[in-house]
Protein backbone atom coordinates (compact mmCIF):
# COMPACT_ATOMS: atom_id res chain seq x y z
CA MET A 1 0.00 0.00 0.00
CA ASP A 2 1.32 3.45 -0.92
CA THR A 3 1.07 5.38 2.33
CA LEU A 4 3.08 8.41 1.20
CA ARG A 5 1.76 11.14 -1.05
CA ARG A 6 2.57 10.57 -4.71
CA VAL A 7 4.69 13.69 -4.87
CA VAL A 8 6.76 12.53 -1.89
CA ARG A 9 7.27 9.08 -3.39
CA GLU A 10 8.47 10.55 -6.66
CA MET A 11 10.58 13.50 -5.49
CA ALA A 12 14.34 13.31 -5.01
CA GLY A 13 14.45 15.42 -1.84
CA TYR A 14 16.89 18.11 -0.79
CA VAL A 15 20.42 16.90 -0.01
CA PRO A 16 22.29 19.10 2.51
CA GLY A 17 26.05 19.38 2.61
CA GLU A 18 27.99 16.64 4.32
CA GLN A 19 28.24 17.00 8.11
CA PRO A 20 31.08 14.77 9.39
CA PRO A 21 32.01 14.37 13.08
CA VAL A 22 33.46 17.57 14.55
CA GLY A 23 37.19 17.79 13.95
CA ALA A 24 37.30 15.03 11.34
CA PHE A 25 37.87 17.45 8.44
CA ILE A 26 38.73 21.04 7.61
CA LYS A 27 35.14 21.86 6.80
CA LEU A 28 34.73 24.27 3.89
CA ASN A 29 31.58 22.82 2.33
CA THR A 30 28.56 24.34 4.12
CA ASN A 31 29.49 28.01 4.59
CA GLU A 32 29.76 28.02 8.36
CA ASN A 33 31.62 30.79 10.13
CA PRO A 34 35.08 29.69 11.32
CA TYR A 35 34.95 32.05 14.30
CA PRO A 36 32.93 31.68 17.53
CA PRO A 37 29.84 33.73 18.37
CA SER A 38 29.90 36.64 20.77
CA PRO A 39 30.77 35.75 24.39
CA GLN A 40 27.47 37.39 25.28
CA VAL A 41 25.72 34.51 23.50
CA LEU A 42 27.41 31.91 25.67
CA GLU A 43 26.57 33.85 28.83
CA ALA A 44 22.92 34.19 27.78
CA LEU A 45 22.74 30.44 27.13
CA ARG A 46 24.18 29.62 30.55
CA LYS A 47 21.63 31.83 32.28
CA GLU A 48 18.73 30.35 30.33
CA ILE A 49 19.80 26.79 31.07
CA GLU A 50 19.97 27.61 34.78
CA LYS A 51 16.30 28.64 34.65
CA GLY A 52 15.40 25.10 33.57
CA LEU A 53 14.11 23.77 30.28
CA ASN A 54 10.80 22.23 31.37
CA LEU A 55 8.59 25.01 30.01
CA TYR A 56 7.62 25.67 26.41
CA PRO A 57 9.12 28.67 24.59
CA ASP A 58 7.15 31.75 23.60
CA PRO A 59 5.40 30.65 20.38
CA LEU A 60 5.78 34.13 18.85
CA ALA A 61 9.43 34.64 19.91
CA THR A 62 8.41 38.09 21.14
CA SER A 63 11.71 39.06 22.74
CA LEU A 64 13.69 38.16 19.64
CA ARG A 65 11.25 39.97 17.36
CA GLN A 66 11.54 43.08 19.53
CA THR A 67 15.33 42.92 19.59
CA ALA A 68 15.50 42.45 15.82
CA ALA A 69 13.06 45.34 15.38
CA ARG A 70 15.39 47.66 17.29
CA VAL A 71 18.50 46.49 15.45
CA TYR A 72 17.02 46.64 11.94
CA GLY A 73 14.75 49.67 12.36
CA VAL A 74 11.40 48.01 11.66
CA ASP A 75 8.32 47.21 13.71
CA ALA A 76 8.10 43.87 15.51
CA GLU A 77 4.85 43.16 13.67
CA ASN A 78 6.89 43.08 10.45
CA ILE A 79 9.07 40.18 11.69
CA ILE A 80 8.63 36.43 11.95
CA VAL A 81 11.21 34.15 13.54
CA GLY A 82 12.00 30.69 12.21
CA ASN A 83 14.06 27.61 12.97
CA GLY A 84 16.63 28.91 10.53
CA SER A 85 15.65 30.65 7.32
CA ASP A 86 14.89 27.22 5.82
CA ASP A 87 11.94 27.00 8.22
CA LEU A 88 10.77 30.40 6.99
CA LEU A 89 11.03 29.25 3.37
CA THR A 90 8.85 26.27 4.27
CA ILE A 91 6.31 28.50 6.02
CA ILE A 92 6.14 30.89 3.06
CA SER A 93 5.72 28.04 0.58
CA ARG A 94 3.03 26.44 2.72
CA ALA A 95 1.18 29.74 3.01
CA CYS A 96 1.46 30.90 -0.60
CA ILE A 97 1.68 28.03 -3.09
CA ASP A 98 -1.43 26.16 -4.20
CA SER A 99 -1.30 23.18 -6.52
CA GLY A 100 -0.56 24.38 -10.05
CA ASP A 101 0.66 27.84 -9.05
CA PRO A 102 3.59 29.17 -11.10
CA VAL A 103 6.78 29.74 -9.09
CA ALA A 104 9.81 31.47 -10.59
CA MET A 105 13.48 31.42 -9.70
CA PRO A 106 16.83 32.04 -11.38
CA THR A 107 19.06 29.02 -11.84
CA PRO A 108 21.44 27.75 -10.59
CA THR A 109 20.41 28.68 -7.08
CA TYR A 110 19.61 27.22 -3.66
CA THR A 111 18.04 23.84 -4.42
CA LEU A 112 15.77 23.76 -1.37
CA TYR A 113 13.45 26.08 -3.32
CA ASP A 114 12.88 23.22 -5.77
CA THR A 115 11.96 20.81 -3.00
CA LEU A 116 9.46 23.18 -1.42
CA VAL A 117 7.73 23.92 -4.73
CA VAL A 118 7.43 20.20 -5.47
CA LEU A 119 5.94 19.51 -2.03
CA GLN A 120 3.26 22.14 -2.64
CA GLU A 121 2.70 20.83 -6.19
CA GLY A 122 3.50 24.20 -7.69
CA ILE A 123 4.95 24.54 -11.18
CA HIS A 124 8.61 25.52 -11.52
CA HIS A 125 9.69 28.16 -13.99
CA TYR A 126 13.47 28.43 -14.23
CA PHE A 127 15.28 31.49 -15.60
CA PRO A 128 18.96 30.74 -16.26
CA PHE A 129 21.45 33.29 -15.05
CA PRO A 130 23.56 34.80 -17.84
CA PRO A 131 27.32 34.19 -17.57
CA ASP A 132 27.81 37.29 -15.37
CA PHE A 133 25.04 36.16 -12.97
CA SER A 134 23.03 39.33 -13.52
CA LEU A 135 19.28 39.15 -12.98
CA PRO A 136 17.61 37.14 -15.79
CA ALA A 137 15.57 39.58 -17.83
CA GLY A 138 12.51 37.40 -18.34
CA ILE A 139 11.84 36.59 -14.70
CA LYS A 140 9.66 39.67 -14.19
CA ASN A 141 7.35 38.79 -17.08
CA LEU A 142 5.98 35.44 -15.94
CA GLY A 143 3.44 36.77 -13.45
CA ALA A 144 4.44 34.11 -10.91
CA LYS A 145 2.53 33.58 -7.69
CA LEU A 146 5.88 33.42 -5.88
CA THR A 147 9.41 34.33 -6.97
CA PHE A 148 12.57 33.26 -5.13
CA LEU A 149 15.73 35.35 -5.38
CA ALA A 150 18.77 34.42 -3.32
CA ASN A 151 20.81 37.60 -3.09
CA PRO A 152 23.73 37.01 -2.69
CA ASN A 153 23.10 33.86 -4.64
CA SER A 154 24.22 30.37 -3.82
CA PRO A 155 26.21 28.66 -5.26
CA SER A 156 27.69 31.59 -7.20
CA GLY A 157 28.16 34.05 -4.32
CA THR A 158 27.20 36.87 -6.67
CA ALA A 159 24.68 39.64 -5.96
CA VAL A 160 22.40 41.73 -8.15
CA PRO A 161 22.06 45.45 -7.31
CA VAL A 162 19.25 46.42 -4.98
CA THR A 163 17.94 48.79 -7.66
CA GLN A 164 17.19 45.72 -9.77
CA VAL A 165 15.57 43.97 -6.80
CA GLU A 166 13.29 46.98 -6.40
CA GLU A 167 12.40 46.94 -10.10
CA LEU A 168 11.52 43.27 -9.78
CA ALA A 169 9.35 43.83 -6.71
CA ARG A 170 7.55 46.65 -8.50
CA ALA A 171 6.93 44.55 -11.61
CA LEU A 172 5.74 41.34 -9.96
CA PRO A 173 2.05 40.76 -9.21
CA GLY A 174 2.95 37.98 -6.76
CA ILE A 175 5.27 37.73 -3.78
CA LEU A 176 9.02 38.22 -4.12
CA VAL A 177 11.14 36.40 -1.54
CA VAL A 178 14.65 37.85 -1.32
CA ASP A 179 16.80 35.37 0.58
CA GLU A 180 19.62 37.39 2.15
CA ALA A 181 21.35 34.59 4.05
CA TYR A 182 24.77 36.01 3.11
CA VAL A 183 23.99 39.71 2.95
CA ASP A 184 26.26 40.72 5.85
CA PHE A 185 29.21 39.89 3.59
CA ALA A 186 27.86 42.16 0.84
CA GLU A 187 27.42 45.92 0.48
CA GLU A 188 23.65 46.24 -0.06
CA THR A 189 20.42 44.95 1.41
CA ALA A 190 16.82 45.00 0.20
CA LEU A 191 15.51 45.35 3.75
CA PRO A 192 14.55 49.06 3.43
CA LEU A 193 12.28 48.11 0.53
CA VAL A 194 9.95 46.12 2.79
CA ALA A 195 8.27 49.33 3.94
CA ARG A 196 7.46 50.26 0.34
CA TYR A 197 6.45 46.96 -1.26
CA PRO A 198 3.75 44.83 0.43
CA ASN A 199 4.63 41.90 -1.84
CA LEU A 200 8.26 41.74 -0.66
CA VAL A 201 9.67 39.30 1.90
CA VAL A 202 13.31 39.57 3.01
CA LEU A 203 14.91 36.67 4.85
CA ARG A 204 17.96 36.69 7.10
CA THR A 205 19.78 34.02 9.08
CA LEU A 206 22.06 34.16 12.10
CA SER A 207 23.84 31.02 10.92
CA LYS A 208 26.48 32.65 8.75
CA SER A 209 27.70 36.05 9.90
CA PHE A 210 26.63 35.60 13.55
CA SER A 211 28.25 32.13 13.89
CA LEU A 212 25.06 30.44 15.12
CA ALA A 213 24.47 27.73 12.52
CA GLY A 214 24.05 25.15 15.28
CA LEU A 215 21.12 27.01 16.86
CA ARG A 216 19.01 27.58 13.71
CA ILE A 217 17.72 31.16 13.90
CA GLY A 218 16.06 32.84 10.93
CA LEU A 219 14.34 36.21 10.59
CA GLY A 220 11.69 37.12 8.04
CA PHE A 221 10.71 40.74 7.29
CA ALA A 222 7.50 41.63 5.46
CA HIS A 223 4.27 43.63 5.55
CA ALA A 224 2.26 42.93 8.71
CA ASP A 225 -0.54 41.28 6.72
CA LEU A 226 1.89 38.75 5.25
CA ILE A 227 3.48 38.10 8.64
CA HIS A 228 0.02 37.48 10.11
CA GLY A 229 -0.65 34.88 7.42
CA PHE A 230 2.72 33.20 7.91
CA LEU A 231 2.13 32.91 11.67
CA LYS A 232 -1.04 30.93 10.97
CA VAL A 233 0.85 28.07 9.32
CA LYS A 234 4.11 27.86 11.28
CA ASP A 235 4.69 25.10 13.78
CA SER A 236 3.41 26.14 17.21
CA TYR A 237 6.79 26.24 18.93
CA ASN A 238 9.12 26.44 15.97
CA VAL A 239 11.96 28.21 17.82
CA ASN A 240 13.36 26.92 21.10
CA ARG A 241 14.16 29.00 24.16
CA LEU A 242 17.93 28.67 23.84
CA SER A 243 17.85 29.91 20.27
CA MET A 244 15.73 32.89 21.26
CA VAL A 245 18.08 34.11 23.99
CA ALA A 246 21.13 33.39 21.83
CA GLY A 247 19.63 35.37 18.96
CA CYS A 248 18.92 38.35 21.19
CA ALA A 249 22.44 38.31 22.61
CA ALA A 250 24.03 38.02 19.17
CA LEU A 251 22.02 40.91 17.75
CA GLU A 252 22.90 43.06 20.75
CA ASP A 253 26.63 42.61 20.07
CA LEU A 254 26.90 43.72 16.45
CA PRO A 255 30.55 44.84 16.80
CA TRP A 256 31.58 41.23 17.43
CA MET A 257 29.82 40.03 14.31
CA LEU A 258 31.16 42.88 12.19
CA ALA A 259 34.74 42.22 13.30
CA ASN A 260 34.44 38.58 12.28
CA ARG A 261 32.74 39.61 9.04
CA ASP A 262 35.66 41.88 8.19
CA ARG A 263 38.14 39.06 8.86
CA ILE A 264 36.24 36.78 6.51
CA VAL A 265 36.05 39.41 3.77
CA ARG A 266 39.82 39.91 3.96
CA THR A 267 40.44 36.17 3.80
CA ARG A 268 37.99 35.91 0.92
CA GLU A 269 40.26 38.16 -1.11
CA ARG A 270 43.30 36.03 -0.23
CA LEU A 271 41.40 32.91 -1.24
CA CYS A 272 40.36 34.40 -4.56
CA GLN A 273 43.89 35.48 -5.38
CA GLY A 274 45.27 32.09 -4.41
CA LEU A 275 42.76 30.25 -6.59
CA LYS A 276 43.50 32.50 -9.54
CA ALA A 277 47.21 31.74 -9.12
CA LEU A 278 46.32 28.05 -9.49
CA GLY A 279 44.58 28.71 -12.80
CA TYR A 280 41.01 28.95 -11.53
CA GLY A 281 38.46 31.56 -12.42
CA VAL A 282 36.43 32.96 -9.51
CA HIS A 283 33.03 34.60 -9.66
CA LEU A 284 32.82 37.95 -7.85
CA SER A 285 31.68 36.86 -4.40
CA ARG A 286 29.57 38.91 -2.02
CA SER A 287 29.23 36.04 0.44
CA ASN A 288 31.38 33.94 2.78
CA PHE A 289 32.22 31.47 0.02
CA VAL A 290 33.51 31.52 -3.54
CA LEU A 291 32.56 29.58 -6.65
CA SER A 292 35.73 28.70 -8.54
CA TYR A 293 36.03 27.01 -11.91
CA ARG A 294 38.81 25.84 -14.22
CA GLY A 295 37.92 25.93 -17.89
CA ALA A 296 35.61 23.05 -18.80
CA GLU A 297 37.40 20.55 -16.54
CA ARG A 298 35.22 18.53 -14.19
CA GLN A 299 36.25 19.18 -10.61
CA GLU A 300 35.01 15.97 -9.03
CA ARG A 301 38.54 14.56 -8.95
CA VAL A 302 39.83 17.64 -7.13
CA TYR A 303 36.92 17.45 -4.68
CA ARG A 304 37.62 13.79 -3.93
CA SER A 305 41.36 14.35 -3.64
CA LEU A 306 40.80 17.15 -1.16
CA LYS A 307 38.47 14.92 0.86
CA GLU A 308 41.14 12.22 0.98
CA ARG A 309 43.46 14.88 2.43
CA GLY A 310 40.97 15.87 5.11
CA ILE A 311 39.38 18.92 3.46
CA LEU A 312 35.71 19.16 2.50
CA VAL A 313 34.51 21.54 -0.21
CA ARG A 314 31.23 21.39 -2.17
CA TYR A 315 31.00 19.81 -5.61
CA PHE A 316 27.75 19.96 -7.55
CA ASP A 317 27.33 17.24 -10.18
CA ALA A 318 24.74 19.35 -11.97
CA PRO A 319 24.52 20.81 -15.48
CA GLY A 320 26.74 23.87 -15.79
CA LEU A 321 28.49 23.33 -12.46
CA GLU A 322 30.60 20.25 -13.17
CA ASN A 323 33.66 22.46 -13.65
CA SER A 324 33.18 24.27 -10.34
CA LEU A 325 33.92 23.99 -6.64
CA ARG A 326 32.14 26.02 -3.99
CA ILE A 327 34.57 26.79 -1.19
CA THR A 328 33.70 28.32 2.17
CA VAL A 329 35.97 31.11 3.40
CA GLY A 330 37.58 29.65 6.50
CA SER A 331 40.21 31.06 8.80
CA ASP A 332 43.59 32.06 7.38
CA PRO A 333 45.27 28.77 8.45
CA MET A 334 42.41 26.75 6.93
CA THR A 335 42.69 28.74 3.71
CA ASP A 336 46.47 28.29 3.56
CA ARG A 337 46.09 24.52 3.96
CA LEU A 338 43.38 24.39 1.26
CA LEU A 339 45.50 26.31 -1.25
CA GLU A 340 48.55 24.22 -0.47
CA GLU A 341 46.68 20.95 -1.05
CA MET A 342 44.91 22.26 -4.17
CA GLY A 343 48.26 23.37 -5.55
CA SER A 344 49.62 19.86 -5.01
CA ILE A 345 46.58 18.25 -6.67
CA VAL A 346 46.45 20.61 -9.65
CA GLY A 347 50.20 20.41 -10.10
CA GLY A 348 49.97 16.64 -10.09
CA GLU A 349 47.30 16.72 -12.78
CA ARG A 350 49.40 18.99 -14.95
CA ALA A 351 52.53 16.89 -14.59
C-alpha cells in the first residue's frame, strides 16, 4: 500500500552538505563561520539553562522579534522568527503556493526552493542566469505567484544590485522572496524596501555572519498582513528557548559580528587570489564562500582528492556546475592549507 503522497514518493528530496564528526575534516563545504559567536551569546545560554528547560518557549518569539526590530529599524509586527531561514522558506511556501501555481526562480540557485515547490505541487519556472550572474531579464514577465531570489546567490556568491531587486518587486504581481542569508558579507540589502512593497519578503539568518548555525535562527521581514498569514501556518513552537536568547544576545553585540565579518572578507580576497594563481576563475563573491572554476574541466577529482586529504569543499554534479567547486571562506590557516593541497593536486594533474 502506498502510504506516502505521490509527490513525496516521486521527489528526489533536498540533499544538505555533508556533516562529518566535529574535527574530522577542515570543513569548507557548508558556509559556516570559522569564528565563535559573541561571548554574550554563551553567557545568555548559561543563564537560560539555569532557569530550567521544562517550560515551552514563547510561540511568537516576542523578545527576539523586539530585539530584531530595534536592530534593523522596523516594527516587531513586520518580523517572523524561524528555525533557521529554511523553516521560513517552508512556512512561506506552505502559506502561498497552491497546486498548479507558477513559481519562478533564477538558476542555478539554492536547491531547497525546488523541493518546497514540489511539495506544494507548484509549477517551476526556471530562468537561467547569464554568464555574469546578472538578474535574468525574463523573470519579471511570468506573473508568478511566488518568486525566489537568493541575493547574494548560492552557489555563485554573486549579488544583483538592490535597484534591480526593487524593479523586480515593483513589476511582480505575486510575492518576491529575497533570501539574504549572506547579505552581511555584501554591500547592499533590500531590507529598506519592505516598507514600500507589500509583496516583498526579506529573509535573514544568524547562521552565517553571527556564527550560530548550530542554533538555527532565521528572521523574516514583510508587511504585517503577510506576517500574520505566515504565523497561521508555522509550527506552534518552531523556535526553542535557547535559540531565542542566543539570537537576542548576538544581535545586541553587532561589533563582534562585524569584526568577524571583516576578517572573513579579507580572507575571501586572499582565497580568490590564491585560486587564480592556481589557474582557476572565480566569480565575484559577495558572500562567505567563492565559486571557482577551471575551464571546462570537471572538478570531481579535485573534490575527492581534497576529501582524501581531510578537506571538504562542495562539488555539484549538476549541469553547468561540473567544472566548479564552492569553497567556504575559513580562517587564514584553513585557507592556507586548502590552497597548499589544491596546488599539489592541480600540479599533479598537470605533470
